[in-house]
Amino acid sequence: MANYSKAFENAIIAKTDPLYMTDYQQIRDAYKEKYGERGMIGKLASIIGGRQEGVKAKDDKPYLAARRTIERYERGLQGKGGEVHKSLGAKYLAGVKRAGEQLPPIGRQLRNNQITVTVTGTQKVTRKNAQGKRVSVGSRERTWTATFHGPDAQDFITDPSLRKILKAQPQPYPDSVIEMFEGDEDDEYALDGFAAA
């Protein structure tokens, strides 16, 4: 089967925004996996508290305050008023978001709840010769554009395919033709120089 996935991936990245973890538990687990228990607390405290350049950790008050808050939250200790630390508090929520943005995206987010994708490629043109064998007689440029909205757009960015674009045309292609486009790279209908934008 012809592989168009890299072209679709590049088009989707260009036309959507990254979606990052925002839940502290998920972020914490990702940092714990990457840095270990102690390293996770230090790294999160640096991001959440805003580590100051050129200041030693032991003298960096915002960092130390964030570290203490995270340690209390992790241990579930009670604060001075007897309340249990069930969240990091509003003061650190923006820092949690920043920590999530330093991890790889967990998905893509649509802009304006839609996506328009144009695919192009060069298709071989063949004819049967006198012996009945198909031979190349040139090529032609092919271009299709499709706009997906709402759930269809989300479905496309999650699982893009030439099939979905061809089915979204004003006169949708029949499955038998789509299967020829999806054939091996050496097949008659396969597209060379495939690009998606």
N, C-alpha and C. Protein backbone atom coordinates (compact mmCIF):
# COMPACT_ATOMS: atom_id res chain seq x y z
N MET A 1 0.85 -1.18 0.00
CA MET A 1 0.00 0.00 0.00
C MET A 1 0.89 1.24 0.00
N ALA A 2 0.54 2.20 -0.81
CA ALA A 2 1.29 3.45 -0.86
C ALA A 2 1.23 4.13 0.51
N ASN A 3 2.34 4.70 0.93
CA ASN A 3 2.41 5.30 2.27
C ASN A 3 2.40 6.82 2.16
N TYR A 4 1.28 7.41 2.52
CA TYR A 4 1.12 8.86 2.47
C TYR A 4 1.14 9.48 3.88
N SER A 5 1.42 8.66 4.90
CA SER A 5 1.24 9.11 6.28
C SER A 5 2.13 10.29 6.66
N LYS A 6 3.39 10.35 6.20
CA LYS A 6 4.28 11.46 6.58
C LYS A 6 3.75 12.78 6.03
N ALA A 7 3.26 12.77 4.80
CA ALA A 7 2.70 13.99 4.20
C ALA A 7 1.48 14.45 4.98
N PHE A 8 0.61 13.51 5.38
CA PHE A 8 -0.56 13.88 6.17
C PHE A 8 -0.15 14.41 7.53
N GLU A 9 0.82 13.76 8.16
CA GLU A 9 1.29 14.20 9.48
C GLU A 9 1.79 15.64 9.42
N ASN A 10 2.59 15.96 8.41
CA ASN A 10 3.12 17.33 8.26
C ASN A 10 2.01 18.34 8.03
N ALA A 11 1.01 17.98 7.22
CA ALA A 11 -0.11 18.89 6.96
C ALA A 11 -0.93 19.13 8.22
N ILE A 12 -1.16 18.07 8.98
CA ILE A 12 -1.95 18.19 10.21
C ILE A 12 -1.22 19.03 11.24
N ILE A 13 0.09 18.84 11.37
CA ILE A 13 0.87 19.65 12.31
C ILE A 13 0.80 21.13 11.92
N ALA A 14 0.85 21.42 10.63
CA ALA A 14 0.82 22.81 10.17
C ALA A 14 -0.56 23.46 10.36
N LYS A 15 -1.62 22.66 10.38
CA LYS A 15 -2.97 23.21 10.40
C LYS A 15 -3.71 23.03 11.72
N THR A 16 -3.04 22.50 12.73
CA THR A 16 -3.65 22.30 14.03
C THR A 16 -2.70 22.78 15.12
N ASP A 17 -3.18 22.82 16.34
CA ASP A 17 -2.36 23.21 17.47
C ASP A 17 -2.09 21.99 18.35
N PRO A 18 -0.92 21.94 18.98
CA PRO A 18 -0.64 20.79 19.85
C PRO A 18 -1.54 20.80 21.08
N LEU A 19 -1.88 19.63 21.55
CA LEU A 19 -2.69 19.46 22.75
C LEU A 19 -1.80 18.80 23.80
N TYR A 20 -1.63 19.48 24.94
CA TYR A 20 -0.73 19.00 25.99
C TYR A 20 -1.51 18.54 27.21
N MET A 21 -0.86 17.74 28.01
CA MET A 21 -1.44 17.34 29.29
C MET A 21 -1.66 18.56 30.15
N THR A 22 -2.78 18.59 30.88
CA THR A 22 -3.04 19.68 31.81
C THR A 22 -3.32 19.15 33.21
N ASP A 23 -3.59 17.88 33.33
CA ASP A 23 -3.89 17.26 34.61
C ASP A 23 -2.59 17.01 35.39
N TYR A 24 -2.53 17.51 36.60
CA TYR A 24 -1.31 17.37 37.39
C TYR A 24 -0.88 15.91 37.54
N GLN A 25 -1.82 15.01 37.80
CA GLN A 25 -1.46 13.60 38.01
C GLN A 25 -0.79 13.01 36.77
N GLN A 26 -1.32 13.31 35.60
CA GLN A 26 -0.72 12.80 34.36
C GLN A 26 0.67 13.39 34.15
N ILE A 27 0.79 14.70 34.38
CA ILE A 27 2.07 15.38 34.20
C ILE A 27 3.09 14.82 35.18
N ARG A 28 2.67 14.68 36.43
CA ARG A 28 3.55 14.16 37.47
C ARG A 28 4.03 12.76 37.11
N ASP A 29 3.13 11.91 36.62
CA ASP A 29 3.51 10.54 36.25
C ASP A 29 4.52 10.55 35.10
N ALA A 30 4.33 11.44 34.13
CA ALA A 30 5.27 11.53 33.01
C ALA A 30 6.64 11.99 33.49
N TYR A 31 6.68 12.98 34.39
CA TYR A 31 7.96 13.46 34.91
C TYR A 31 8.60 12.40 35.81
N LYS A 32 7.79 11.69 36.57
CA LYS A 32 8.33 10.64 37.44
C LYS A 32 8.97 9.54 36.61
N GLU A 33 8.32 9.18 35.49
CA GLU A 33 8.87 8.16 34.60
C GLU A 33 10.18 8.63 33.99
N LYS A 34 10.27 9.91 33.67
CA LYS A 34 11.46 10.46 33.01
C LYS A 34 12.60 10.74 33.99
N TYR A 35 12.28 11.26 35.20
CA TYR A 35 13.33 11.73 36.11
C TYR A 35 13.42 10.95 37.42
N GLY A 36 12.51 10.03 37.68
CA GLY A 36 12.48 9.34 38.97
C GLY A 36 11.75 10.19 40.01
N GLU A 37 11.52 9.62 41.19
CA GLU A 37 10.73 10.31 42.24
C GLU A 37 11.37 11.63 42.67
N ARG A 38 12.63 11.61 43.05
CA ARG A 38 13.28 12.85 43.52
C ARG A 38 13.47 13.85 42.40
N GLY A 39 13.89 13.36 41.25
CA GLY A 39 14.11 14.25 40.11
C GLY A 39 12.81 14.89 39.65
N MET A 40 11.71 14.14 39.74
CA MET A 40 10.40 14.65 39.34
C MET A 40 10.02 15.86 40.17
N ILE A 41 10.18 15.76 41.48
CA ILE A 41 9.81 16.87 42.36
C ILE A 41 10.66 18.11 42.06
N GLY A 42 11.96 17.92 41.90
CA GLY A 42 12.85 19.05 41.60
C GLY A 42 12.53 19.69 40.25
N LYS A 43 12.30 18.87 39.24
CA LYS A 43 12.01 19.40 37.92
C LYS A 43 10.68 20.15 37.91
N LEU A 44 9.64 19.55 38.51
CA LEU A 44 8.35 20.23 38.58
C LEU A 44 8.44 21.52 39.38
N ALA A 45 9.15 21.50 40.49
CA ALA A 45 9.30 22.71 41.30
C ALA A 45 10.00 23.81 40.51
N SER A 46 10.99 23.43 39.70
CA SER A 46 11.70 24.42 38.86
C SER A 46 10.76 25.08 37.86
N ILE A 47 9.90 24.28 37.27
CA ILE A 47 8.99 24.81 36.25
C ILE A 47 7.83 25.56 36.91
N ILE A 48 7.22 24.94 37.90
CA ILE A 48 6.03 25.53 38.54
C ILE A 48 6.38 26.77 39.34
N GLY A 49 7.48 26.73 40.06
CA GLY A 49 7.86 27.87 40.89
C GLY A 49 8.64 28.93 40.14
N GLY A 50 9.14 28.60 38.95
CA GLY A 50 9.92 29.57 38.19
C GLY A 50 11.32 29.70 38.73
N ARG A 51 12.16 28.75 38.44
CA ARG A 51 13.55 28.72 38.94
C ARG A 51 14.29 29.95 38.44
N GLN A 52 15.01 30.63 39.37
CA GLN A 52 15.74 31.85 39.04
C GLN A 52 17.15 31.49 38.57
N GLU A 53 17.54 32.10 37.47
CA GLU A 53 18.89 31.89 36.91
C GLU A 53 19.95 32.42 37.87
N GLY A 54 21.01 31.67 38.03
CA GLY A 54 22.16 32.11 38.82
C GLY A 54 21.96 32.09 40.33
N VAL A 55 20.83 31.60 40.82
CA VAL A 55 20.57 31.53 42.26
C VAL A 55 20.60 30.06 42.67
N LYS A 56 21.33 29.77 43.72
CA LYS A 56 21.38 28.39 44.20
C LYS A 56 20.00 27.96 44.67
N ALA A 57 19.71 26.68 44.50
CA ALA A 57 18.40 26.15 44.86
C ALA A 57 18.05 26.47 46.31
N LYS A 58 19.03 26.37 47.20
CA LYS A 58 18.75 26.59 48.62
C LYS A 58 18.41 28.05 48.93
N ASP A 59 18.74 28.97 48.00
CA ASP A 59 18.44 30.39 48.20
C ASP A 59 17.30 30.89 47.31
N ASP A 60 16.75 30.03 46.49
CA ASP A 60 15.70 30.41 45.53
C ASP A 60 14.33 30.22 46.19
N LYS A 61 13.79 31.30 46.77
CA LYS A 61 12.55 31.20 47.55
C LYS A 61 11.34 30.72 46.75
N PRO A 62 11.09 31.24 45.54
CA PRO A 62 9.94 30.72 44.78
C PRO A 62 10.07 29.22 44.49
N TYR A 63 11.29 28.79 44.16
CA TYR A 63 11.53 27.37 43.89
C TYR A 63 11.29 26.54 45.16
N LEU A 64 11.81 27.01 46.28
CA LEU A 64 11.65 26.26 47.54
C LEU A 64 10.18 26.18 47.96
N ALA A 65 9.45 27.28 47.76
CA ALA A 65 8.03 27.27 48.12
C ALA A 65 7.26 26.28 47.24
N ALA A 66 7.57 26.28 45.96
CA ALA A 66 6.91 25.33 45.05
C ALA A 66 7.29 23.90 45.40
N ARG A 67 8.55 23.69 45.74
CA ARG A 67 9.00 22.34 46.11
C ARG A 67 8.27 21.85 47.36
N ARG A 68 8.17 22.72 48.37
CA ARG A 68 7.46 22.32 49.60
C ARG A 68 5.99 22.00 49.31
N THR A 69 5.37 22.82 48.48
CA THR A 69 3.96 22.58 48.13
C THR A 69 3.81 21.24 47.43
N ILE A 70 4.68 20.94 46.48
CA ILE A 70 4.62 19.66 45.77
C ILE A 70 4.87 18.50 46.73
N GLU A 71 5.87 18.63 47.59
CA GLU A 71 6.17 17.56 48.55
C GLU A 71 4.99 17.31 49.47
N ARG A 72 4.35 18.38 49.95
CA ARG A 72 3.17 18.23 50.81
C ARG A 72 2.04 17.56 50.05
N TYR A 73 1.84 18.00 48.84
CA TYR A 73 0.78 17.42 48.03
C TYR A 73 1.05 15.92 47.81
N GLU A 74 2.29 15.60 47.50
CA GLU A 74 2.66 14.21 47.24
C GLU A 74 2.46 13.34 48.49
N ARG A 75 2.74 13.89 49.64
CA ARG A 75 2.59 13.11 50.88
C ARG A 75 1.19 13.22 51.46
N GLY A 76 0.39 14.18 50.98
CA GLY A 76 -0.96 14.37 51.49
C GLY A 76 -0.96 14.95 52.90
N LEU A 77 0.10 15.70 53.24
CA LEU A 77 0.19 16.28 54.58
C LEU A 77 -0.82 17.41 54.77
N GLN A 78 -1.11 17.67 56.02
CA GLN A 78 -2.03 18.75 56.35
C GLN A 78 -1.26 20.05 56.50
N GLY A 79 -1.92 21.12 56.11
CA GLY A 79 -1.33 22.44 56.27
C GLY A 79 -1.54 22.96 57.68
N LYS A 80 -1.15 24.21 57.92
CA LYS A 80 -1.24 24.80 59.26
C LYS A 80 -2.66 24.82 59.79
N GLY A 81 -3.64 25.05 58.92
CA GLY A 81 -5.03 25.11 59.35
C GLY A 81 -5.69 23.75 59.45
N GLY A 82 -4.95 22.67 59.22
CA GLY A 82 -5.49 21.33 59.29
C GLY A 82 -6.05 20.82 57.97
N GLU A 83 -6.03 21.67 56.92
CA GLU A 83 -6.57 21.23 55.64
C GLU A 83 -5.57 20.28 54.97
N VAL A 84 -6.11 19.31 54.27
CA VAL A 84 -5.27 18.37 53.53
C VAL A 84 -4.96 18.99 52.18
N HIS A 85 -3.73 18.86 51.74
CA HIS A 85 -3.31 19.40 50.44
C HIS A 85 -3.89 18.53 49.34
N LYS A 86 -5.08 18.92 48.81
CA LYS A 86 -5.73 18.15 47.76
C LYS A 86 -5.42 18.71 46.38
N SER A 87 -4.85 19.89 46.34
CA SER A 87 -4.44 20.45 45.05
C SER A 87 -3.23 21.33 45.30
N LEU A 88 -2.60 21.73 44.22
CA LEU A 88 -1.43 22.59 44.35
C LEU A 88 -1.81 24.04 44.59
N GLY A 89 -3.05 24.37 44.37
CA GLY A 89 -3.51 25.75 44.58
C GLY A 89 -3.45 26.55 43.29
N ALA A 90 -4.26 27.57 43.26
CA ALA A 90 -4.39 28.42 42.07
C ALA A 90 -3.06 29.08 41.70
N LYS A 91 -2.25 29.37 42.70
CA LYS A 91 -0.97 30.05 42.46
C LYS A 91 -0.08 29.28 41.49
N TYR A 92 -0.18 27.94 41.51
CA TYR A 92 0.73 27.12 40.71
C TYR A 92 0.10 26.52 39.46
N LEU A 93 -1.17 26.82 39.18
CA LEU A 93 -1.84 26.20 38.03
C LEU A 93 -1.19 26.57 36.69
N ALA A 94 -0.77 27.81 36.53
CA ALA A 94 -0.10 28.21 35.29
C ALA A 94 1.22 27.46 35.14
N GLY A 95 1.90 27.22 36.24
CA GLY A 95 3.15 26.45 36.20
C GLY A 95 2.90 25.00 35.82
N VAL A 96 1.79 24.44 36.28
CA VAL A 96 1.45 23.06 35.90
C VAL A 96 1.23 23.00 34.39
N LYS A 97 0.54 24.01 33.84
CA LYS A 97 0.32 24.06 32.40
C LYS A 97 1.65 24.14 31.66
N ARG A 98 2.59 24.98 32.14
CA ARG A 98 3.92 25.08 31.52
C ARG A 98 4.65 23.74 31.57
N ALA A 99 4.52 23.03 32.68
CA ALA A 99 5.17 21.72 32.82
C ALA A 99 4.60 20.75 31.78
N GLY A 100 3.30 20.79 31.55
CA GLY A 100 2.68 19.93 30.55
C GLY A 100 3.16 20.26 29.14
N GLU A 101 3.39 21.55 28.88
CA GLU A 101 3.82 21.99 27.55
C GLU A 101 5.27 21.60 27.26
N GLN A 102 6.02 21.20 28.28
CA GLN A 102 7.39 20.76 28.06
C GLN A 102 7.47 19.26 27.76
N LEU A 103 6.33 18.59 27.80
CA LEU A 103 6.24 17.19 27.43
C LEU A 103 5.76 17.09 25.98
N PRO A 104 5.95 15.96 25.34
CA PRO A 104 5.43 15.83 23.96
C PRO A 104 3.90 15.98 23.95
N PRO A 105 3.34 16.51 22.88
CA PRO A 105 1.89 16.67 22.81
C PRO A 105 1.19 15.31 22.87
N ILE A 106 -0.01 15.29 23.44
CA ILE A 106 -0.79 14.06 23.52
C ILE A 106 -1.80 13.96 22.37
N GLY A 107 -1.86 14.98 21.56
CA GLY A 107 -2.77 14.99 20.42
C GLY A 107 -2.71 16.33 19.71
N ARG A 108 -3.66 16.54 18.83
CA ARG A 108 -3.75 17.78 18.08
C ARG A 108 -5.14 18.38 18.29
N GLN A 109 -5.21 19.69 18.24
CA GLN A 109 -6.45 20.42 18.47
C GLN A 109 -6.78 21.23 17.22
N LEU A 110 -8.02 21.13 16.78
CA LEU A 110 -8.46 21.85 15.58
C LEU A 110 -8.49 23.35 15.80
N ARG A 111 -8.28 24.08 14.74
CA ARG A 111 -8.50 25.53 14.75
C ARG A 111 -9.87 25.77 14.12
N ASN A 112 -10.72 26.52 14.76
CA ASN A 112 -12.06 26.83 14.26
C ASN A 112 -12.89 25.57 13.99
N ASN A 113 -12.59 24.49 14.68
CA ASN A 113 -13.37 23.25 14.59
C ASN A 113 -13.45 22.68 13.17
N GLN A 114 -12.40 22.95 12.36
CA GLN A 114 -12.38 22.42 11.00
C GLN A 114 -10.95 22.31 10.50
N ILE A 115 -10.80 21.56 9.40
CA ILE A 115 -9.50 21.47 8.74
C ILE A 115 -9.74 21.30 7.26
N THR A 116 -8.97 22.03 6.46
CA THR A 116 -9.00 21.89 5.00
C THR A 116 -7.66 21.34 4.57
N VAL A 117 -7.70 20.25 3.80
CA VAL A 117 -6.47 19.60 3.35
C VAL A 117 -6.51 19.47 1.84
N THR A 118 -5.40 19.84 1.20
CA THR A 118 -5.25 19.67 -0.24
C THR A 118 -4.13 18.66 -0.47
N VAL A 119 -4.43 17.65 -1.27
CA VAL A 119 -3.40 16.67 -1.60
C VAL A 119 -3.08 16.77 -3.08
N THR A 120 -1.82 16.59 -3.41
CA THR A 120 -1.37 16.63 -4.79
C THR A 120 -0.43 15.46 -5.04
N GLY A 121 -0.31 15.09 -6.27
CA GLY A 121 0.61 14.03 -6.64
C GLY A 121 0.63 13.87 -8.14
N THR A 122 1.59 13.11 -8.60
CA THR A 122 1.72 12.82 -10.02
C THR A 122 1.32 11.37 -10.23
N GLN A 123 0.43 11.15 -11.15
CA GLN A 123 -0.06 9.81 -11.41
C GLN A 123 0.42 9.35 -12.79
N LYS A 124 0.88 8.11 -12.87
CA LYS A 124 1.30 7.55 -14.16
C LYS A 124 0.09 7.39 -15.07
N VAL A 125 0.30 7.63 -16.34
CA VAL A 125 -0.73 7.36 -17.33
C VAL A 125 -0.22 6.20 -18.17
N THR A 126 -1.03 5.14 -18.25
CA THR A 126 -0.61 3.95 -19.00
C THR A 126 -1.63 3.62 -20.08
N ARG A 127 -1.17 2.93 -21.06
CA ARG A 127 -2.03 2.44 -22.14
C ARG A 127 -1.57 1.02 -22.46
N LYS A 128 -2.48 0.25 -23.04
CA LYS A 128 -2.11 -1.09 -23.49
C LYS A 128 -1.39 -0.96 -24.83
N ASN A 129 -0.26 -1.65 -24.94
CA ASN A 129 0.46 -1.64 -26.21
C ASN A 129 -0.12 -2.72 -27.12
N ALA A 130 0.48 -2.91 -28.28
CA ALA A 130 -0.02 -3.87 -29.27
C ALA A 130 -0.05 -5.29 -28.72
N GLN A 131 0.85 -5.58 -27.77
CA GLN A 131 0.90 -6.92 -27.18
C GLN A 131 -0.08 -7.05 -26.00
N GLY A 132 -0.81 -6.00 -25.69
CA GLY A 132 -1.78 -6.05 -24.60
C GLY A 132 -1.17 -5.75 -23.22
N LYS A 133 0.10 -5.37 -23.19
CA LYS A 133 0.77 -5.05 -21.93
C LYS A 133 0.64 -3.55 -21.65
N ARG A 134 0.42 -3.18 -20.38
CA ARG A 134 0.30 -1.76 -20.02
C ARG A 134 1.69 -1.13 -19.96
N VAL A 135 1.84 -0.02 -20.63
CA VAL A 135 3.11 0.71 -20.63
C VAL A 135 2.85 2.16 -20.28
N SER A 136 3.82 2.79 -19.66
CA SER A 136 3.69 4.19 -19.26
C SER A 136 3.80 5.08 -20.50
N VAL A 137 2.87 6.02 -20.59
CA VAL A 137 2.90 6.98 -21.70
C VAL A 137 3.00 8.41 -21.18
N GLY A 138 3.31 8.56 -19.91
CA GLY A 138 3.45 9.89 -19.33
C GLY A 138 2.88 9.94 -17.93
N SER A 139 2.51 11.14 -17.52
CA SER A 139 1.95 11.31 -16.18
C SER A 139 1.02 12.52 -16.18
N ARG A 140 0.23 12.62 -15.12
CA ARG A 140 -0.64 13.78 -14.97
C ARG A 140 -0.69 14.18 -13.50
N GLU A 141 -0.87 15.48 -13.30
CA GLU A 141 -0.96 16.01 -11.93
C GLU A 141 -2.38 15.78 -11.41
N ARG A 142 -2.48 15.39 -10.15
CA ARG A 142 -3.78 15.20 -9.50
C ARG A 142 -3.83 16.09 -8.27
N THR A 143 -4.97 16.73 -8.03
CA THR A 143 -5.17 17.58 -6.85
C THR A 143 -6.59 17.39 -6.34
N TRP A 144 -6.70 17.21 -5.02
CA TRP A 144 -8.01 17.14 -4.37
C TRP A 144 -7.97 17.97 -3.11
N THR A 145 -9.04 18.66 -2.81
CA THR A 145 -9.17 19.45 -1.58
C THR A 145 -10.43 19.00 -0.86
N ALA A 146 -10.31 18.86 0.45
CA ALA A 146 -11.47 18.49 1.27
C ALA A 146 -11.44 19.30 2.55
N THR A 147 -12.61 19.74 3.00
CA THR A 147 -12.76 20.42 4.28
C THR A 147 -13.61 19.54 5.18
N PHE A 148 -13.08 19.27 6.36
CA PHE A 148 -13.79 18.47 7.35
C PHE A 148 -14.17 19.37 8.51
N HIS A 149 -15.36 19.15 9.09
CA HIS A 149 -15.87 19.97 10.20
C HIS A 149 -16.18 19.07 11.40
N GLY A 150 -16.08 19.65 12.59
CA GLY A 150 -16.52 18.99 13.83
C GLY A 150 -15.95 17.60 14.01
N PRO A 151 -16.82 16.61 14.31
CA PRO A 151 -16.34 15.25 14.57
C PRO A 151 -15.61 14.64 13.37
N ASP A 152 -16.03 14.99 12.15
CA ASP A 152 -15.33 14.48 10.96
C ASP A 152 -13.91 15.02 10.89
N ALA A 153 -13.74 16.28 11.27
CA ALA A 153 -12.41 16.89 11.28
C ALA A 153 -11.53 16.22 12.34
N GLN A 154 -12.09 15.99 13.53
CA GLN A 154 -11.33 15.33 14.59
C GLN A 154 -10.95 13.91 14.16
N ASP A 155 -11.89 13.23 13.50
CA ASP A 155 -11.62 11.88 13.00
C ASP A 155 -10.49 11.92 11.98
N PHE A 156 -10.49 12.93 11.10
CA PHE A 156 -9.45 13.02 10.08
C PHE A 156 -8.08 13.25 10.69
N ILE A 157 -7.97 14.18 11.65
CA ILE A 157 -6.63 14.44 12.21
C ILE A 157 -6.14 13.28 13.07
N THR A 158 -7.07 12.47 13.58
CA THR A 158 -6.68 11.29 14.36
C THR A 158 -6.24 10.16 13.45
N ASP A 159 -6.92 10.01 12.32
CA ASP A 159 -6.64 8.91 11.40
C ASP A 159 -6.78 9.40 9.96
N PRO A 160 -5.79 10.18 9.46
CA PRO A 160 -5.92 10.75 8.11
C PRO A 160 -5.75 9.68 7.03
N SER A 161 -6.45 9.88 5.92
CA SER A 161 -6.27 8.95 4.81
C SER A 161 -6.72 9.60 3.50
N LEU A 162 -6.13 9.13 2.42
CA LEU A 162 -6.54 9.58 1.10
C LEU A 162 -7.98 9.16 0.85
N ARG A 163 -8.38 8.01 1.38
CA ARG A 163 -9.76 7.52 1.23
C ARG A 163 -10.76 8.56 1.74
N LYS A 164 -10.51 9.14 2.90
CA LYS A 164 -11.44 10.12 3.47
C LYS A 164 -11.52 11.37 2.59
N ILE A 165 -10.40 11.77 2.02
CA ILE A 165 -10.40 12.94 1.14
C ILE A 165 -11.18 12.65 -0.14
N LEU A 166 -10.97 11.48 -0.71
CA LEU A 166 -11.68 11.13 -1.94
C LEU A 166 -13.17 10.93 -1.69
N LYS A 167 -13.55 10.44 -0.52
CA LYS A 167 -14.96 10.28 -0.18
C LYS A 167 -15.63 11.63 0.10
N ALA A 168 -14.84 12.66 0.44
CA ALA A 168 -15.39 13.98 0.77
C ALA A 168 -15.52 14.87 -0.47
N GLN A 169 -15.20 14.36 -1.64
CA GLN A 169 -15.31 15.15 -2.86
C GLN A 169 -16.78 15.39 -3.21
N PRO A 170 -17.08 16.47 -3.97
CA PRO A 170 -18.48 16.72 -4.36
C PRO A 170 -19.12 15.50 -5.05
N GLN A 171 -18.33 14.79 -5.84
CA GLN A 171 -18.76 13.52 -6.42
C GLN A 171 -17.81 12.46 -5.87
N PRO A 172 -18.18 11.86 -4.74
CA PRO A 172 -17.27 10.91 -4.08
C PRO A 172 -16.85 9.78 -5.02
N TYR A 173 -15.58 9.40 -4.88
CA TYR A 173 -15.05 8.29 -5.67
C TYR A 173 -15.60 6.97 -5.15
N PRO A 174 -15.88 6.03 -6.04
CA PRO A 174 -16.32 4.71 -5.58
C PRO A 174 -15.17 3.97 -4.90
N ASP A 175 -15.51 3.05 -4.01
CA ASP A 175 -14.50 2.28 -3.27
C ASP A 175 -13.52 1.57 -4.20
N SER A 176 -14.00 1.05 -5.31
CA SER A 176 -13.11 0.32 -6.23
C SER A 176 -12.00 1.22 -6.76
N VAL A 177 -12.31 2.49 -7.05
CA VAL A 177 -11.29 3.43 -7.54
C VAL A 177 -10.36 3.82 -6.40
N ILE A 178 -10.93 4.07 -5.22
CA ILE A 178 -10.11 4.45 -4.07
C ILE A 178 -9.10 3.35 -3.76
N GLU A 179 -9.52 2.10 -3.86
CA GLU A 179 -8.61 0.98 -3.60
C GLU A 179 -7.44 0.98 -4.57
N MET A 180 -7.67 1.42 -5.81
CA MET A 180 -6.56 1.50 -6.78
C MET A 180 -5.59 2.61 -6.37
N PHE A 181 -6.11 3.74 -5.87
CA PHE A 181 -5.22 4.80 -5.41
C PHE A 181 -4.41 4.36 -4.18
N GLU A 182 -5.00 3.50 -3.37
CA GLU A 182 -4.34 3.05 -2.15
C GLU A 182 -3.42 1.85 -2.40
N GLY A 183 -3.29 1.42 -3.62
CA GLY A 183 -2.48 0.24 -3.94
C GLY A 183 -0.99 0.46 -3.69
N ASP A 184 -0.20 -0.52 -4.12
CA ASP A 184 1.25 -0.43 -3.96
C ASP A 184 1.80 0.76 -4.74
N GLU A 185 2.99 1.21 -4.32
CA GLU A 185 3.60 2.38 -4.95
C GLU A 185 3.87 2.16 -6.43
N ASP A 186 3.99 0.91 -6.87
CA ASP A 186 4.24 0.61 -8.28
C ASP A 186 2.96 0.48 -9.08
N ASP A 187 1.81 0.52 -8.42
CA ASP A 187 0.54 0.36 -9.12
C ASP A 187 0.27 1.54 -10.03
N GLU A 188 -0.58 1.29 -11.01
CA GLU A 188 -0.90 2.27 -12.02
C GLU A 188 -1.50 3.56 -11.46
N TYR A 189 -2.30 3.47 -10.41
CA TYR A 189 -2.97 4.64 -9.88
C TYR A 189 -2.22 5.32 -8.74
N ALA A 190 -1.13 4.71 -8.27
CA ALA A 190 -0.39 5.29 -7.14
C ALA A 190 0.13 6.68 -7.50
N LEU A 191 0.22 7.52 -6.48
CA LEU A 191 0.68 8.89 -6.68
C LEU A 191 2.14 9.02 -6.30
N ASP A 192 2.96 9.57 -7.19
CA ASP A 192 4.35 9.89 -6.89
C ASP A 192 4.39 11.34 -6.41
N GLY A 193 5.36 11.67 -5.58
CA GLY A 193 5.51 13.05 -5.14
C GLY A 193 4.31 13.53 -4.36
N PHE A 194 3.68 12.63 -3.62
CA PHE A 194 2.47 12.96 -2.87
C PHE A 194 2.77 14.04 -1.84
N ALA A 195 1.90 15.04 -1.75
CA ALA A 195 2.04 16.10 -0.76
C ALA A 195 0.67 16.46 -0.23
N ALA A 196 0.62 16.85 1.02
CA ALA A 196 -0.62 17.30 1.62
C ALA A 196 -0.37 18.63 2.31
N ALA A 197 -1.28 19.57 2.14
CA ALA A 197 -1.11 20.87 2.78
C ALA A 197 -2.46 21.40 3.23
